[in-house]
Structure formats: structure tokens, C-alpha cells
Amino acid sequence: MTTLAFLILSNIPVYADGIKDSKVVTGTEKLIGDVTTWLMVLAPVVSGLLIIYFCIRRSAADEMDQKKWNDRIVVAIVSCLGAVVGSATLNLIIGYYK
């Protein structure tokens, strides 16, 4: 316990001054920025296509199946909103590091 307390209390600060300009960090920032941009574009498009498909299937279904297709439409809308909000949040967080 004494050794552990000594190690915790006598830690030496370490600095990483040149890491923000390294290729790994700048490449990762660009990759996350590009992925989030594409996600913000693709999520609504794919969700829109799925909703159209679900509406077509709902129109050909009986009453019990229509409820299932309605639930799938709601899930598609909520998933689209979740993907766009998550992507925008990641874009916002990455924006603070630039």
C-alpha cells in the first residue's frame, strides 16, 4: 500500500507537444469528419427509401400487418434522427479540436 501511495503521489507530468500535428491525429480528424459528413447525407436518403418501401408494403398488408409496418416506419424515422444527431454531435466535438 505504501508503494502504491508513493507511486500515485509522485507521478511525473508528461507532455506530448508535437502530437497535434502528427499524421495520425490529423488523419483521424479528417476521417471522422468525412465519415460524419457522409453519414449525415446517407442516413436520410436510406431512411427515405426504406420508408417508401415500408409504405408500399403497408398498403398491401392486412390490418395486423399494417401495425407492424407502421412500427417499422417509426423505427426508420427514429433511426434516421439518431444517426443525424449522432453524426452532428461528432462533427461538433471534432470541430473543437481544430
Protein backbone atom coordinates (compact mmCIF):
# COMPACT_ATOMS: atom_id res chain seq x y z
CA MET A 1 0.00 0.00 0.00
CA THR A 2 2.87 2.33 0.82
CA THR A 3 4.47 1.73 -2.57
CA LEU A 4 1.18 2.35 -4.34
CA ALA A 5 0.62 5.57 -2.41
CA PHE A 6 4.17 6.67 -3.22
CA LEU A 7 3.67 5.99 -6.93
CA ILE A 8 0.38 7.86 -7.04
CA LEU A 9 1.68 10.88 -5.15
CA SER A 10 4.97 11.15 -7.03
CA ASN A 11 3.77 10.96 -10.60
CA ILE A 12 5.79 12.86 -13.17
CA PRO A 13 3.88 15.02 -15.67
CA VAL A 14 4.35 14.00 -19.27
CA TYR A 15 3.82 16.37 -22.18
CA ALA A 16 3.04 15.50 -25.79
CA ASP A 17 3.59 18.79 -27.57
CA GLY A 18 4.05 17.54 -31.14
CA ILE A 19 1.19 15.07 -31.26
CA LYS A 20 -1.44 17.51 -32.52
CA ASP A 21 0.47 17.94 -35.78
CA SER A 22 1.16 14.24 -36.34
CA LYS A 23 -0.27 12.44 -39.36
CA VAL A 24 -2.20 10.01 -37.16
CA VAL A 25 -4.11 12.75 -35.35
CA THR A 26 -4.78 14.93 -38.38
CA GLY A 27 -5.72 11.89 -40.48
CA THR A 28 -8.09 10.63 -37.81
CA GLU A 29 -9.75 14.04 -37.55
CA LYS A 30 -10.22 14.16 -41.32
CA LEU A 31 -11.52 10.58 -41.39
CA ILE A 32 -14.09 11.23 -38.67
CA GLY A 33 -15.12 14.46 -40.37
CA ASP A 34 -15.61 12.73 -43.71
CA VAL A 35 -17.49 9.78 -42.21
CA THR A 36 -19.84 12.02 -40.27
CA THR A 37 -20.49 14.14 -43.35
CA TRP A 38 -21.34 11.08 -45.42
CA LEU A 39 -23.49 9.72 -42.61
CA MET A 40 -25.46 12.97 -42.49
CA VAL A 41 -26.13 12.60 -46.22
CA LEU A 42 -26.73 8.85 -46.45
CA ALA A 43 -28.90 8.36 -43.35
CA PRO A 44 -31.85 10.47 -44.60
CA VAL A 45 -31.59 9.05 -48.12
CA VAL A 46 -31.58 5.41 -46.97
CA SER A 47 -34.29 6.10 -44.40
CA GLY A 48 -36.45 7.79 -47.04
CA LEU A 49 -36.10 4.81 -49.36
CA LEU A 50 -36.95 2.42 -46.53
CA ILE A 51 -39.99 4.47 -45.55
CA ILE A 52 -41.24 4.42 -49.15
CA TYR A 53 -40.73 0.65 -49.25
CA PHE A 54 -42.48 0.19 -45.90
CA CYS A 55 -45.42 2.33 -47.05
CA ILE A 56 -45.80 0.23 -50.19
CA ARG A 57 -45.71 -2.97 -48.14
CA ARG A 58 -48.17 -1.49 -45.62
CA SER A 59 -50.64 -0.67 -48.37
CA ALA A 60 -50.67 -4.31 -49.47
CA ALA A 61 -50.93 -5.77 -45.95
CA ASP A 62 -53.92 -6.72 -43.85
CA GLU A 63 -54.84 -4.92 -40.62
CA MET A 64 -52.49 -6.84 -38.30
CA ASP A 65 -49.53 -6.49 -40.63
CA GLN A 66 -50.24 -2.79 -41.13
CA LYS A 67 -49.46 -2.21 -37.45
CA LYS A 68 -46.09 -3.93 -37.88
CA TRP A 69 -45.29 -1.86 -40.94
CA ASN A 70 -46.29 1.31 -39.06
CA ASP A 71 -43.87 0.32 -36.28
CA ARG A 72 -41.13 -0.23 -38.85
CA ILE A 73 -41.77 3.21 -40.33
CA VAL A 74 -41.46 4.78 -36.88
CA VAL A 75 -38.23 2.86 -36.25
CA ALA A 76 -36.82 4.07 -39.58
CA ILE A 77 -37.63 7.71 -38.71
CA VAL A 78 -36.16 7.46 -35.20
CA SER A 79 -33.05 5.71 -36.53
CA CYS A 80 -32.56 8.44 -39.11
CA LEU A 81 -32.85 11.12 -36.45
CA GLY A 82 -30.43 9.22 -34.21
CA ALA A 83 -27.86 8.85 -36.99
CA VAL A 84 -28.06 12.52 -37.98
CA VAL A 85 -27.90 13.78 -34.38
CA GLY A 86 -25.01 11.44 -33.56
CA SER A 87 -23.14 12.49 -36.67
CA ALA A 88 -23.69 16.17 -35.96
CA THR A 89 -22.52 15.69 -32.38
CA LEU A 90 -19.31 14.02 -33.56
CA ASN A 91 -18.77 16.83 -36.06
CA LEU A 92 -19.24 19.37 -33.28
CA ILE A 93 -16.81 17.59 -30.96
CA ILE A 94 -14.17 17.27 -33.69
CA GLY A 95 -14.66 20.96 -34.51
CA TYR A 96 -13.44 21.91 -31.04
CA TYR A 97 -10.12 20.14 -31.64
CA LYS A 98 -9.25 22.13 -34.75
